[in-house]
Amino acid sequence: MASRITDIPGILVGHATDLRVASGVTALLFERPCVAAVDVRGGGPGTRETDLLDPERTVTGIDALFLSGGSAYGLDAAAGLVAWLAENERGFPVGSMRVPIVPGAILFDLLNGGDKAWGRFPPYRDLGYAAAQAASRDFALGSVGAGTGARAGNLKGGIGSASAAVSETGFTVGAIAAVNAFGRVTVGDGPHFWAAPFECEAEFGGLGWPARMPEDALAFPARRLPGAATTLAVVATDACLTKAQAKRLAVAAQGGLVRSIQPVHTPLDGDVVFAVATGAVPLSDPVVDLARLGDVAAQVLARAVAVGVHAATSLPGTEPVGADSIEGLPPAWRERFGAARD
């Protein structure tokens, strides 16, 4: 199995996918409550329970995270995860009760061609529960879960993940991303990924840089509907971090989006990066170790973004649309470029 965020012990990932709706939910479950933080850079985010991640808040650990399609409707996914966690006696103790702590974020996929006529109640609560049930160390990439109806500029978006060891420290860092960006993940309109310098073992094609940078490499994407894009990500480590240190890790990891998407953090995006620490390995130098963790987190997240687009596939029964179209989904990288080589 290629590297995943679940290479960090204690982290499980599950997807629930509804191809009729062309949307889904991705859940991250933690075997023990984890320290977490969040950094929001996009102009149009949609989040749940992120205030409690601030260092001065009372709750010290979270039980799960979710990434969901469905825009504001997708926030219902949290109710499904909370229900599953409650059934399994997980949560923050308050007297005789336990309250599961489940932050999360949503992306916009309402105009991707799926059937959104779901009636009074959207399906995301049930999808959240199903994603929690499906959580395991081995999980799919591409057009699944929160990445089902995602798009990445001129290409189909999806779920990507990667991990890496932090040399000479004993730490591991992993990332998962639901790539639904306004910007492009590839250089111009070609097959090469902006994240190419960080690629490991040809995980997204092994193409490297183009032999010559195309003229449209930095061209601004065709106009799309404002607010209809977002990249959601989680970076995780087995290091023992405080909430303030986790916040700094999330900030540093945003560099991975900068290195893999062009442009990024626009008013059209709701880009959100969560950072999670399981606490298994203590820091020996709080400053240097944290700096090294942030550097690797940015690289791993850049890889996860490219992996998500490289692994994406078109949805059954859909016809690809042009990159400048507001509605529908563009073609997948595999359909456009297949076994492309420089």
Foldseek 3Di string as FASTA:
>chain_A
DAAFQLVQPQKWKFWFDDLQQLWTKIKIFGNDFWQKAKDWQAQFWFKDPRVCLPQVHDDGGAGMEMEIEDAPLLVLLVLLQQVLCVVVVDACDDPVGGGHHYMYTYAYQNQAPHDQPPDPHGCNSVRSNNRVVGIDSDDDFALTHRQRRAAAQFARFIKFKHKDALPPARKIKMKIKNFRANFHQAFFPDLHGLLQVLDDPCLQQNAHDPPDRDPRRQPRGADEDAQNGEMEMEMEMQEADGSVLQNVLNVLLVLLVVSGGHPDSYSRYGYMYMYIYNHNGYDPDSPVVSVSSSVRSSSRSNNRRSSRQSRHQDRPPFDADGSNDHGHYHGGSCVVANNNHD
